[in-house]
N, C-alpha and C. Protein backbone atom coordinates (compact mmCIF):
# COMPACT_ATOMS: atom_id res chain seq x y z
N MET A 1 -10.73 -7.63 10.37
CA MET A 1 -10.59 -6.17 10.24
C MET A 1 -11.97 -5.59 9.16
N LYS A 2 -12.79 -4.72 9.97
CA LYS A 2 -13.95 -4.27 9.08
C LYS A 2 -13.31 -3.24 8.07
N THR A 3 -14.10 -3.21 7.09
CA THR A 3 -13.98 -2.32 6.04
C THR A 3 -15.18 -1.80 5.50
N CYS A 4 -15.19 -0.50 4.90
CA CYS A 4 -16.44 0.03 4.40
C CYS A 4 -16.17 1.22 3.28
N ALA A 5 -17.14 1.41 2.61
CA ALA A 5 -17.00 1.91 1.15
C ALA A 5 -16.56 3.46 1.60
N GLY A 6 -16.84 4.10 2.46
CA GLY A 6 -16.83 5.43 2.73
C GLY A 6 -15.69 5.98 3.80
N LEU A 7 -15.59 6.89 4.10
CA LEU A 7 -14.27 7.31 4.89
C LEU A 7 -14.92 7.41 6.28
N GLY A 8 -16.15 7.02 6.45
CA GLY A 8 -16.70 7.07 7.95
C GLY A 8 -16.39 8.64 8.54
N LEU A 9 -15.78 8.67 9.62
CA LEU A 9 -15.66 9.81 10.43
C LEU A 9 -14.71 10.72 9.63
N PHE A 10 -14.15 10.46 8.57
CA PHE A 10 -12.95 11.18 7.68
C PHE A 10 -13.62 11.61 6.43
N ILE A 11 -14.87 11.30 6.33
CA ILE A 11 -15.37 12.04 5.14
C ILE A 11 -15.21 13.34 4.90
N GLY A 12 -15.08 13.82 3.97
CA GLY A 12 -15.21 15.21 3.84
C GLY A 12 -13.71 15.76 3.22
N LEU A 13 -13.36 16.93 3.28
CA LEU A 13 -12.14 17.38 2.79
C LEU A 13 -11.26 18.02 3.93
N ILE A 14 -10.01 17.35 4.15
CA ILE A 14 -9.10 17.56 5.13
C ILE A 14 -7.77 18.05 4.51
N VAL A 15 -7.53 19.25 4.53
CA VAL A 15 -6.15 19.76 3.91
C VAL A 15 -5.19 19.56 5.07
N ALA A 16 -3.93 18.72 4.71
CA ALA A 16 -2.85 18.53 5.65
C ALA A 16 -1.65 19.04 4.95
N ARG A 17 -0.57 19.44 5.98
CA ARG A 17 0.77 19.72 5.40
C ARG A 17 1.65 18.85 6.29
N ALA A 18 2.63 18.23 5.63
CA ALA A 18 3.64 17.44 6.24
C ALA A 18 4.54 18.34 7.07
N ALA A 19 5.24 17.70 8.02
CA ALA A 19 6.21 18.62 8.90
C ALA A 19 7.51 18.24 8.85
N THR A 20 7.78 17.32 8.51
CA THR A 20 9.41 16.84 8.37
C THR A 20 10.20 17.26 6.84
N ASP A 21 9.29 17.14 5.82
CA ASP A 21 9.83 17.26 4.64
C ASP A 21 10.23 18.73 4.35
N SER A 22 11.30 19.20 3.96
CA SER A 22 11.63 20.44 3.66
C SER A 22 10.75 21.35 2.57
N SER A 23 10.24 20.55 1.63
CA SER A 23 9.50 21.12 0.49
C SER A 23 8.05 20.02 0.20
N PRO A 24 7.31 20.02 1.46
CA PRO A 24 6.07 18.98 1.04
C PRO A 24 4.97 19.24 0.22
N LEU A 25 4.66 18.51 -0.40
CA LEU A 25 3.29 18.95 -1.24
C LEU A 25 1.93 18.97 -0.27
N PRO A 26 1.14 19.94 -0.20
CA PRO A 26 -0.20 19.70 0.49
C PRO A 26 -1.02 18.57 0.02
N PHE A 27 -1.77 18.04 0.80
CA PHE A 27 -2.69 16.81 0.27
C PHE A 27 -3.98 17.07 0.66
N THR A 28 -5.19 16.84 0.13
CA THR A 28 -6.33 16.95 0.52
C THR A 28 -6.97 15.55 0.49
N TRP A 29 -7.84 15.23 1.32
CA TRP A 29 -8.61 13.86 1.21
C TRP A 29 -9.85 14.06 0.52
N ILE A 30 -10.31 13.24 -0.19
CA ILE A 30 -11.61 13.37 -1.08
C ILE A 30 -12.44 12.25 -0.71
N ASP A 31 -13.76 12.24 -0.59
CA ASP A 31 -14.69 11.44 -0.35
C ASP A 31 -14.63 10.24 -1.79
N PRO A 32 -14.47 9.11 -1.65
CA PRO A 32 -14.48 8.05 -2.42
C PRO A 32 -15.66 8.12 -3.22
N ALA A 33 -16.86 8.34 -2.79
CA ALA A 33 -18.12 8.46 -3.13
C ALA A 33 -18.25 9.71 -4.21
N ASP A 34 -17.36 10.74 -4.15
CA ASP A 34 -17.45 11.91 -4.88
C ASP A 34 -17.37 11.44 -6.19
N PRO A 35 -18.54 11.86 -7.06
CA PRO A 35 -18.58 11.53 -8.59
C PRO A 35 -17.30 12.12 -9.33
N THR A 36 -16.84 13.04 -9.02
CA THR A 36 -15.69 13.74 -9.82
C THR A 36 -14.54 13.01 -9.56
N VAL A 37 -14.22 12.10 -8.85
CA VAL A 37 -13.21 10.89 -8.57
C VAL A 37 -13.39 9.64 -8.97
N LEU A 38 -14.60 9.27 -9.66
CA LEU A 38 -15.02 7.83 -9.86
C LEU A 38 -14.14 7.13 -10.44
N ALA A 39 -13.54 7.90 -11.99
CA ALA A 39 -12.70 7.22 -12.87
C ALA A 39 -11.44 6.92 -12.09
N ILE A 40 -10.90 7.75 -11.29
CA ILE A 40 -9.62 7.56 -10.66
C ILE A 40 -9.91 6.39 -9.61
N ARG A 41 -10.88 6.57 -8.76
CA ARG A 41 -11.19 5.36 -7.88
C ARG A 41 -11.13 4.03 -8.30
N GLU A 42 -12.03 3.92 -9.45
CA GLU A 42 -12.42 2.78 -9.99
C GLU A 42 -11.06 2.09 -10.71
N SER A 43 -10.26 2.95 -11.42
CA SER A 43 -8.97 2.63 -12.03
C SER A 43 -8.00 2.05 -11.14
N GLY A 44 -7.97 2.83 -9.75
CA GLY A 44 -7.28 2.45 -8.80
C GLY A 44 -7.52 0.91 -8.03
N GLU A 45 -8.57 1.01 -7.89
CA GLU A 45 -9.20 -0.39 -7.41
C GLU A 45 -8.91 -1.74 -8.45
N ARG A 46 -9.08 -1.21 -9.74
CA ARG A 46 -8.81 -2.50 -10.54
C ARG A 46 -7.22 -2.75 -10.55
N VAL A 47 -6.36 -1.92 -10.59
CA VAL A 47 -4.98 -2.05 -10.61
C VAL A 47 -4.57 -2.83 -9.38
N MET A 48 -5.30 -2.34 -8.29
CA MET A 48 -4.97 -2.93 -6.95
C MET A 48 -5.28 -4.28 -6.73
N ASP A 49 -6.45 -5.04 -7.58
CA ASP A 49 -6.95 -6.03 -7.53
C ASP A 49 -6.14 -6.94 -8.30
N ARG A 50 -5.58 -6.35 -9.38
CA ARG A 50 -4.59 -7.09 -10.49
C ARG A 50 -3.29 -7.26 -9.69
N VAL A 51 -2.72 -6.33 -9.03
CA VAL A 51 -1.35 -6.30 -8.46
C VAL A 51 -1.59 -7.34 -7.13
N GLY A 52 -2.62 -7.43 -6.48
CA GLY A 52 -2.62 -8.05 -5.44
C GLY A 52 -2.55 -9.63 -5.85
N HIS A 53 -3.18 -9.86 -6.56
CA HIS A 53 -3.49 -11.32 -7.42
C HIS A 53 -2.02 -11.73 -7.90
N THR A 54 -1.44 -10.61 -8.51
CA THR A 54 -0.24 -11.22 -9.28
C THR A 54 0.91 -11.26 -8.24
N MET A 55 0.84 -10.53 -7.15
CA MET A 55 1.92 -10.64 -6.02
C MET A 55 1.86 -12.29 -5.44
N VAL A 56 0.44 -12.54 -4.98
CA VAL A 56 0.19 -13.63 -4.55
C VAL A 56 0.60 -14.80 -5.29
N TYR A 57 0.27 -14.89 -6.69
CA TYR A 57 0.60 -15.97 -7.33
C TYR A 57 1.90 -15.98 -7.79
N GLU A 58 2.83 -14.82 -7.84
CA GLU A 58 4.03 -15.02 -8.03
C GLU A 58 5.01 -15.70 -7.06
N VAL A 59 4.50 -15.24 -5.71
CA VAL A 59 5.23 -16.03 -4.76
C VAL A 59 4.80 -17.39 -4.42
N GLU A 60 3.50 -17.81 -4.87
CA GLU A 60 3.17 -19.10 -4.43
C GLU A 60 3.99 -19.75 -5.58
N ARG A 61 3.96 -19.48 -6.94
CA ARG A 61 4.78 -20.17 -8.04
C ARG A 61 6.19 -20.43 -7.58
N ALA A 62 6.87 -19.34 -7.13
CA ALA A 62 8.36 -19.23 -6.81
C ALA A 62 8.34 -20.27 -5.64
N VAL A 63 7.80 -20.16 -4.79
CA VAL A 63 7.73 -21.27 -3.53
C VAL A 63 7.59 -22.77 -4.25
N MET A 64 6.72 -23.03 -4.99
CA MET A 64 6.68 -24.12 -5.49
C MET A 64 7.77 -24.55 -6.37
N GLU A 65 8.09 -23.61 -7.51
CA GLU A 65 9.27 -24.08 -8.43
C GLU A 65 10.57 -24.02 -7.95
N GLN A 66 11.07 -22.80 -7.25
CA GLN A 66 12.01 -22.38 -6.83
C GLN A 66 12.62 -22.45 -5.28
N GLY A 67 11.45 -22.84 -4.63
CA GLY A 67 11.82 -22.73 -3.06
C GLY A 67 11.60 -21.52 -2.55
N LEU A 68 11.47 -21.53 -1.10
CA LEU A 68 11.13 -20.20 -0.56
C LEU A 68 12.14 -19.07 -0.41
N SER A 69 13.27 -19.38 -0.44
CA SER A 69 14.31 -18.63 -0.44
C SER A 69 14.15 -17.58 -1.93
N HIS A 70 13.88 -18.10 -2.92
CA HIS A 70 13.96 -17.37 -4.13
C HIS A 70 12.70 -16.54 -4.12
N ALA A 71 11.54 -17.07 -3.56
CA ALA A 71 10.20 -16.22 -3.41
C ALA A 71 10.53 -14.87 -2.64
N ILE A 72 11.72 -14.95 -1.74
CA ILE A 72 11.88 -13.41 -1.25
C ILE A 72 12.36 -12.39 -2.02
N ALA A 73 12.97 -13.12 -2.91
CA ALA A 73 13.44 -11.90 -3.95
C ALA A 73 12.57 -11.36 -4.87
N ILE A 74 11.30 -11.85 -5.04
CA ILE A 74 10.39 -11.36 -6.07
C ILE A 74 9.07 -10.65 -5.34
N SER A 75 8.98 -10.81 -3.84
CA SER A 75 7.82 -10.64 -3.18
C SER A 75 7.87 -8.87 -2.81
N HIS A 76 7.85 -8.31 -4.09
CA HIS A 76 7.89 -6.72 -3.75
C HIS A 76 7.82 -6.10 -5.17
N LEU A 77 7.40 -5.04 -5.39
CA LEU A 77 7.01 -4.30 -6.34
C LEU A 77 8.11 -3.81 -7.24
N LYS A 78 9.19 -3.91 -6.98
CA LYS A 78 10.79 -3.33 -7.88
C LYS A 78 10.47 -3.77 -9.22
N ASP A 79 9.97 -4.69 -9.89
CA ASP A 79 9.92 -4.96 -11.37
C ASP A 79 8.65 -4.75 -11.94
N LEU A 80 7.66 -4.14 -11.12
CA LEU A 80 6.41 -4.10 -11.67
C LEU A 80 6.22 -3.10 -12.84
N VAL A 81 5.71 -3.47 -14.19
CA VAL A 81 5.75 -2.69 -14.95
C VAL A 81 4.36 -2.04 -15.01
N LEU A 82 4.27 -0.43 -15.28
CA LEU A 82 2.96 0.09 -14.95
C LEU A 82 2.22 -0.13 -16.36
N PRO A 83 1.01 -0.11 -16.36
CA PRO A 83 0.04 -0.28 -17.18
C PRO A 83 0.23 0.73 -18.27
N ARG A 84 -0.07 0.40 -19.61
CA ARG A 84 -0.11 1.65 -20.53
C ARG A 84 -1.06 2.35 -20.56
N PRO A 85 -0.90 3.64 -20.77
CA PRO A 85 -1.99 4.81 -20.70
C PRO A 85 -3.01 4.46 -21.88
N GLU A 86 -4.35 4.45 -21.24
CA GLU A 86 -5.44 4.23 -21.98
C GLU A 86 -6.23 5.52 -22.39
N ALA A 87 -6.58 6.04 -23.75
CA ALA A 87 -6.94 7.27 -23.87
C ALA A 87 -8.21 8.03 -23.18
N GLY A 88 -8.21 8.94 -22.72
CA GLY A 88 -9.30 9.24 -21.80
C GLY A 88 -9.62 8.78 -20.56
N GLN A 89 -8.42 8.14 -20.30
CA GLN A 89 -8.36 7.40 -18.56
C GLN A 89 -7.36 8.20 -17.92
N PRO A 90 -7.16 8.12 -16.56
CA PRO A 90 -6.09 8.55 -15.83
C PRO A 90 -4.94 7.87 -15.96
N ARG A 91 -3.78 8.58 -16.08
CA ARG A 91 -2.64 7.85 -16.44
C ARG A 91 -1.74 7.39 -15.09
N ILE A 92 -1.41 6.01 -14.94
CA ILE A 92 -0.81 5.76 -13.60
C ILE A 92 0.83 6.06 -13.75
N THR A 93 1.18 6.56 -12.90
CA THR A 93 2.34 7.18 -12.52
C THR A 93 3.18 6.43 -11.34
N ALA A 94 2.63 5.39 -10.70
CA ALA A 94 3.18 4.76 -9.58
C ALA A 94 2.23 3.83 -8.91
N ILE A 95 3.05 2.75 -8.65
CA ILE A 95 2.40 1.63 -7.78
C ILE A 95 3.24 1.53 -6.57
N ARG A 96 2.91 1.53 -5.39
CA ARG A 96 3.95 1.50 -4.41
C ARG A 96 3.32 0.61 -3.06
N HIS A 97 3.93 -0.21 -2.21
CA HIS A 97 3.49 -0.71 -0.85
C HIS A 97 4.34 0.13 -0.06
N THR A 98 3.60 0.26 1.15
CA THR A 98 4.41 0.84 2.41
C THR A 98 3.42 0.49 3.62
N SER A 99 4.32 0.71 4.78
CA SER A 99 3.92 0.21 5.90
C SER A 99 4.46 1.06 7.04
N LEU A 100 4.03 0.83 8.15
CA LEU A 100 4.26 1.50 9.57
C LEU A 100 5.64 0.63 10.04
N ILE A 101 5.24 -0.52 9.75
CA ILE A 101 6.54 -1.62 10.21
C ILE A 101 7.09 -1.92 8.80
N LEU A 102 8.50 -1.58 8.55
CA LEU A 102 9.05 -1.97 7.43
C LEU A 102 10.04 -3.09 7.21
N ARG A 103 9.90 -3.54 6.21
CA ARG A 103 11.12 -4.57 5.94
C ARG A 103 12.30 -4.00 5.13
N ASN A 104 11.85 -3.43 3.99
CA ASN A 104 12.70 -2.78 3.14
C ASN A 104 12.76 -1.30 3.42
N PRO A 105 13.83 -0.47 4.05
CA PRO A 105 13.98 0.86 4.23
C PRO A 105 13.53 1.83 2.89
N ALA A 106 13.77 1.24 1.66
CA ALA A 106 13.02 1.85 0.43
C ALA A 106 11.62 2.02 0.40
N ASN A 107 11.04 1.36 1.35
CA ASN A 107 9.49 1.54 1.19
C ASN A 107 9.11 2.62 2.34
N GLN A 108 10.06 3.25 2.83
CA GLN A 108 9.64 4.16 3.77
C GLN A 108 8.47 5.10 3.48
N PRO A 109 7.43 5.45 4.10
CA PRO A 109 6.35 6.16 3.64
C PRO A 109 6.56 7.73 3.64
N ASP A 110 6.13 8.39 2.47
CA ASP A 110 6.25 9.84 2.65
C ASP A 110 5.33 10.42 3.35
N GLN A 111 5.14 11.86 3.55
CA GLN A 111 4.20 12.31 4.48
C GLN A 111 2.75 12.16 4.11
N ALA A 112 2.31 11.90 2.94
CA ALA A 112 1.01 11.52 2.43
C ALA A 112 0.60 10.27 2.83
N GLU A 113 1.51 9.37 2.51
CA GLU A 113 1.40 7.95 2.82
C GLU A 113 1.17 7.76 4.19
N GLN A 114 1.98 8.61 5.11
CA GLN A 114 2.12 8.31 6.48
C GLN A 114 0.64 8.81 7.18
N ALA A 115 0.00 9.76 6.57
CA ALA A 115 -1.01 10.18 6.85
C ALA A 115 -2.48 9.09 6.39
N ALA A 116 -2.03 8.54 5.42
CA ALA A 116 -3.27 7.34 4.90
C ALA A 116 -2.98 6.07 6.09
N LEU A 117 -1.61 5.88 6.45
CA LEU A 117 -1.07 4.67 7.36
C LEU A 117 -1.90 5.03 8.61
N GLU A 118 -2.00 6.30 9.14
CA GLU A 118 -2.13 6.68 10.29
C GLU A 118 -3.83 6.48 10.54
N ILE A 119 -4.46 7.10 9.46
CA ILE A 119 -5.75 6.90 9.53
C ILE A 119 -6.50 5.36 9.57
N ILE A 120 -5.97 4.81 8.78
CA ILE A 120 -6.18 3.14 9.24
C ILE A 120 -5.60 2.65 10.59
N ASN A 121 -4.65 2.95 10.99
CA ASN A 121 -3.99 2.33 12.04
C ASN A 121 -4.85 3.05 13.37
N SER A 122 -5.43 4.32 13.21
CA SER A 122 -6.29 4.79 14.23
C SER A 122 -7.71 4.00 14.15
N ALA A 123 -8.33 3.82 13.15
CA ALA A 123 -9.57 3.25 12.81
C ALA A 123 -9.32 1.71 13.49
N ILE A 124 -8.12 1.10 13.22
CA ILE A 124 -8.10 -0.35 14.09
C ILE A 124 -7.95 -0.21 15.37
N HIS A 125 -7.29 0.70 15.92
CA HIS A 125 -6.88 0.77 17.20
C HIS A 125 -8.42 1.26 18.08
N GLY A 126 -9.07 2.28 17.46
CA GLY A 126 -10.35 2.75 17.71
C GLY A 126 -11.50 1.93 17.78
N GLY A 127 -11.37 0.63 17.10
CA GLY A 127 -12.55 -0.08 17.09
C GLY A 127 -13.58 0.34 15.91
N LEU A 128 -13.11 1.00 15.05
CA LEU A 128 -13.95 1.75 13.92
C LEU A 128 -13.88 0.80 12.58
N ASP A 129 -14.49 1.09 11.80
CA ASP A 129 -14.69 0.50 10.43
C ASP A 129 -13.30 0.72 9.77
N VAL A 130 -12.56 0.21 9.15
CA VAL A 130 -11.61 0.69 8.14
C VAL A 130 -12.07 1.23 6.80
N PRO A 131 -11.48 2.30 6.43
CA PRO A 131 -11.97 2.44 5.13
C PRO A 131 -11.40 1.67 4.06
N ALA A 132 -12.39 1.29 3.32
CA ALA A 132 -11.86 0.29 2.02
C ALA A 132 -11.04 0.83 0.99
N ILE A 133 -11.43 2.21 0.76
CA ILE A 133 -10.48 2.90 0.00
C ILE A 133 -10.18 4.42 0.37
N LEU A 134 -9.15 4.93 0.19
CA LEU A 134 -8.87 6.31 0.53
C LEU A 134 -8.37 6.90 -0.75
N VAL A 135 -9.08 7.92 -0.92
CA VAL A 135 -8.50 8.96 -2.13
C VAL A 135 -7.88 10.24 -1.62
N GLN A 136 -6.77 10.65 -2.48
CA GLN A 136 -5.91 11.88 -1.88
C GLN A 136 -5.57 12.33 -3.04
N ARG A 137 -5.52 13.82 -3.06
CA ARG A 137 -4.88 14.63 -4.03
C ARG A 137 -3.95 15.42 -3.71
N LEU A 138 -2.80 15.37 -4.18
CA LEU A 138 -1.47 16.09 -3.89
C LEU A 138 -1.30 17.38 -4.90
N GLY A 139 -0.82 18.50 -4.26
CA GLY A 139 -0.58 19.42 -5.12
C GLY A 139 -1.21 20.97 -4.69
N PRO A 140 -0.89 21.91 -5.08
CA PRO A 140 -1.38 23.22 -4.68
C PRO A 140 -2.87 23.37 -5.56
N PRO A 141 -3.82 24.02 -4.89
CA PRO A 141 -5.21 24.09 -5.41
C PRO A 141 -5.15 24.27 -7.01
N ASN A 142 -4.48 25.22 -7.44
CA ASN A 142 -4.47 25.57 -8.81
C ASN A 142 -3.32 25.16 -9.72
N GLY A 143 -2.61 24.23 -9.03
CA GLY A 143 -1.28 23.56 -9.84
C GLY A 143 -1.54 22.21 -10.36
N PRO A 144 -0.66 21.61 -10.89
CA PRO A 144 -0.62 20.13 -11.23
C PRO A 144 -0.97 19.43 -10.06
N SER A 145 -1.60 18.07 -10.19
CA SER A 145 -2.13 17.11 -8.85
C SER A 145 -1.41 15.89 -9.32
N GLU A 146 -1.39 15.26 -8.37
CA GLU A 146 -1.09 13.81 -8.29
C GLU A 146 -2.33 13.20 -7.50
N TRP A 147 -3.01 12.08 -8.07
CA TRP A 147 -4.16 11.73 -7.41
C TRP A 147 -3.69 10.25 -6.98
N ARG A 148 -4.02 10.03 -5.58
CA ARG A 148 -3.57 8.72 -5.06
C ARG A 148 -4.86 8.11 -4.52
N VAL A 149 -4.91 6.72 -4.84
CA VAL A 149 -5.65 5.77 -4.08
C VAL A 149 -5.22 4.72 -3.44
N TYR A 150 -5.52 4.56 -2.09
CA TYR A 150 -4.78 3.58 -1.17
C TYR A 150 -5.82 2.49 -0.92
N ARG A 151 -5.40 1.15 -0.30
CA ARG A 151 -6.39 0.41 0.09
C ARG A 151 -5.29 -0.56 1.00
N ALA A 152 -5.77 -0.82 2.33
CA ALA A 152 -5.36 -1.53 3.38
C ALA A 152 -5.16 -2.92 2.83
N ILE A 153 -4.01 -3.58 2.98
CA ILE A 153 -3.61 -4.99 2.83
C ILE A 153 -3.14 -5.72 4.12
N THR A 154 -3.61 -7.03 3.80
CA THR A 154 -3.46 -7.67 5.00
C THR A 154 -2.34 -9.07 4.78
N THR A 155 -1.79 -9.74 5.80
CA THR A 155 -0.95 -10.89 5.20
C THR A 155 -1.91 -11.91 5.20
N LYS A 156 -1.51 -12.77 3.99
CA LYS A 156 -2.09 -13.82 3.50
C LYS A 156 -1.40 -15.24 4.55
N PRO A 157 -1.88 -16.04 4.64
CA PRO A 157 -1.33 -17.44 5.18
C PRO A 157 0.05 -17.56 4.57
N ILE A 158 0.41 -17.53 3.17
CA ILE A 158 1.60 -17.76 2.58
C ILE A 158 2.63 -16.67 3.00
N CYS A 159 2.08 -15.47 3.30
CA CYS A 159 3.01 -14.57 3.78
C CYS A 159 3.75 -14.70 5.00
N LEU A 160 2.97 -15.63 5.78
CA LEU A 160 3.72 -15.89 7.20
C LEU A 160 5.05 -16.70 6.94
N GLN A 161 5.51 -17.39 5.86
CA GLN A 161 6.57 -18.08 5.77
C GLN A 161 7.82 -17.05 5.87
N CYS A 162 7.38 -15.70 5.53
CA CYS A 162 8.52 -14.70 5.67
C CYS A 162 8.28 -13.62 6.65
N HIS A 163 7.14 -13.55 6.92
CA HIS A 163 6.39 -12.29 7.96
C HIS A 163 6.05 -13.07 9.10
N GLY A 164 5.89 -14.20 9.45
CA GLY A 164 5.51 -14.75 10.99
C GLY A 164 6.64 -14.56 11.74
N PRO A 165 6.19 -15.11 12.97
CA PRO A 165 6.93 -15.27 14.26
C PRO A 165 8.57 -15.75 13.77
N LEU A 166 9.65 -14.73 14.37
CA LEU A 166 10.75 -15.33 14.20
C LEU A 166 11.22 -16.66 14.46
N GLU A 167 10.71 -17.19 15.53
CA GLU A 167 11.12 -18.36 15.67
C GLU A 167 10.44 -19.67 14.99
N GLU A 168 9.57 -19.23 14.17
CA GLU A 168 8.88 -20.02 13.32
C GLU A 168 9.40 -19.93 12.05
N LEU A 169 10.24 -19.03 11.67
CA LEU A 169 10.94 -19.09 10.28
C LEU A 169 12.05 -20.02 10.03
N LEU A 170 12.15 -20.41 8.98
CA LEU A 170 13.02 -21.32 8.55
C LEU A 170 14.44 -20.81 8.75
N PRO A 171 15.60 -21.48 9.15
CA PRO A 171 16.76 -20.94 9.26
C PRO A 171 17.41 -20.14 8.07
N ALA A 172 17.08 -20.94 6.93
CA ALA A 172 17.49 -20.42 5.77
C ALA A 172 16.97 -19.30 5.40
N VAL A 173 15.51 -18.93 5.68
CA VAL A 173 14.74 -17.67 5.47
C VAL A 173 15.33 -16.65 6.46
N ARG A 174 15.73 -17.02 7.81
CA ARG A 174 16.02 -15.90 8.47
C ARG A 174 17.34 -15.54 8.10
N SER A 175 18.41 -16.41 7.73
CA SER A 175 19.60 -15.90 7.26
C SER A 175 19.27 -14.90 5.81
N ILE A 176 18.75 -15.35 4.83
CA ILE A 176 18.39 -14.32 3.89
C ILE A 176 18.03 -13.14 4.11
N LEU A 177 17.00 -13.06 5.11
CA LEU A 177 16.29 -11.59 5.39
C LEU A 177 17.60 -10.90 6.40
N ASN A 178 18.16 -11.90 7.27
CA ASN A 178 19.12 -11.05 7.96
C ASN A 178 20.18 -10.18 6.91
N SER A 179 20.39 -11.12 5.70
CA SER A 179 21.51 -10.57 4.77
C SER A 179 20.86 -9.39 3.82
N LYS A 180 19.69 -9.52 3.35
CA LYS A 180 19.20 -8.53 2.70
C LYS A 180 18.47 -7.70 3.42
N TYR A 181 17.82 -7.79 4.44
CA TYR A 181 17.02 -6.68 5.23
C TYR A 181 17.56 -6.70 6.85
N PRO A 182 18.77 -6.02 6.98
CA PRO A 182 19.23 -6.02 8.36
C PRO A 182 18.45 -5.57 9.50
N GLU A 183 17.89 -4.43 8.73
CA GLU A 183 16.91 -3.62 9.74
C GLU A 183 15.47 -4.17 9.71
N ASP A 184 15.28 -5.36 9.28
CA ASP A 184 13.85 -5.71 9.26
C ASP A 184 13.10 -5.74 10.44
N LYS A 185 12.00 -5.03 10.57
CA LYS A 185 11.00 -5.30 11.64
C LYS A 185 9.77 -5.82 11.03
N ALA A 186 9.42 -6.11 10.00
CA ALA A 186 8.22 -6.62 9.40
C ALA A 186 8.03 -8.34 9.66
N ILE A 187 8.15 -8.81 10.94
CA ILE A 187 7.98 -10.06 11.30
C ILE A 187 6.98 -10.02 12.56
N SER A 188 6.55 -11.20 12.88
CA SER A 188 5.54 -11.56 14.01
C SER A 188 4.14 -11.28 13.65
N TYR A 189 3.91 -11.32 12.30
CA TYR A 189 2.41 -11.17 11.94
C TYR A 189 1.57 -12.46 12.12
N THR A 190 0.46 -12.08 12.08
CA THR A 190 -0.37 -13.45 12.21
C THR A 190 -1.63 -13.10 10.78
N ALA A 191 -1.96 -14.35 10.56
CA ALA A 191 -2.94 -14.44 9.07
C ALA A 191 -3.95 -13.24 9.33
N TYR A 192 -4.04 -12.56 8.31
CA TYR A 192 -4.98 -11.61 7.89
C TYR A 192 -4.92 -10.52 9.07
N GLN A 193 -3.66 -10.14 9.43
CA GLN A 193 -3.49 -8.89 10.08
C GLN A 193 -3.15 -7.88 9.17
N TRP A 194 -3.48 -6.77 9.63
CA TRP A 194 -2.88 -5.45 8.64
C TRP A 194 -1.68 -5.07 8.35
N ARG A 195 -1.28 -5.17 7.23
CA ARG A 195 0.24 -5.28 6.91
C ARG A 195 0.57 -3.80 6.49
N GLY A 196 -0.22 -2.91 5.85
CA GLY A 196 0.29 -1.82 5.05
C GLY A 196 -0.74 -1.01 4.48
N VAL A 197 -0.42 -0.60 3.41
CA VAL A 197 -1.37 -0.01 2.44
C VAL A 197 -0.70 -0.33 0.89
N LEU A 198 -1.29 -0.47 -0.13
CA LEU A 198 -0.82 -0.35 -1.59
C LEU A 198 -1.48 0.82 -2.09
N ARG A 199 -0.72 1.56 -2.40
CA ARG A 199 -1.15 2.85 -3.28
C ARG A 199 -0.59 2.94 -4.87
N VAL A 200 -1.63 3.43 -5.40
CA VAL A 200 -1.49 3.46 -6.82
C VAL A 200 -1.64 5.11 -7.12
N SER A 201 -0.98 5.72 -7.89
CA SER A 201 -0.95 7.35 -8.07
C SER A 201 -1.30 7.54 -9.68
N PHE A 202 -1.95 8.75 -9.83
CA PHE A 202 -2.61 9.16 -11.27
C PHE A 202 -2.20 10.68 -11.60
N GLU A 203 -2.22 10.63 -12.90
CA GLU A 203 -2.26 11.98 -13.32
C GLU A 203 -3.93 12.13 -13.92
N LYS A 204 -4.52 13.05 -13.78
CA LYS A 204 -5.66 12.96 -14.36
C LYS A 204 -5.74 13.68 -15.79
N PRO A 205 -6.32 12.98 -16.88
CA PRO A 205 -6.33 13.71 -18.30
C PRO A 205 -6.94 15.04 -18.21
């Protein structure tokens, strides 16, 4: 999967409104190279680097120490503690993972997240470069804003123990997944296949 620093064909400001929510927030795409969002973009990238490494490390440790079954229970963001606010820096308000193909229904994308997923999905299927970072502003033009930074994530080889082809999953893993996530669709992945997005939300100081 190719990546690029800019938004390619998506550079510029695109105002979109969701269609299915009864009271959706309007959202605007911002060029990540725009200097006015430099602090937000860089903060988002740092947080996503840390979260990504932490998730992989915790799963690997859980598999080694307590077995694959335990790793399933900790391989998501439900217990993630948000970093403490730093003076003069954007305040992190949420960290989320979502996808077009879900394991946990609680990770269902909202309309703004859905738009980010569709940009990446269209780029992949269109043979275009996938944007390395997406920056989005939610809220009315003159009102309070939520700023979001998105990054596409892929399946690591260790992820295939729970997300690989169904026939290759251990019986105990299949049993746990059926119990915890009866509507699970997040299987049959291959290594380094696009999995979804990691999203960090900010309030600007």
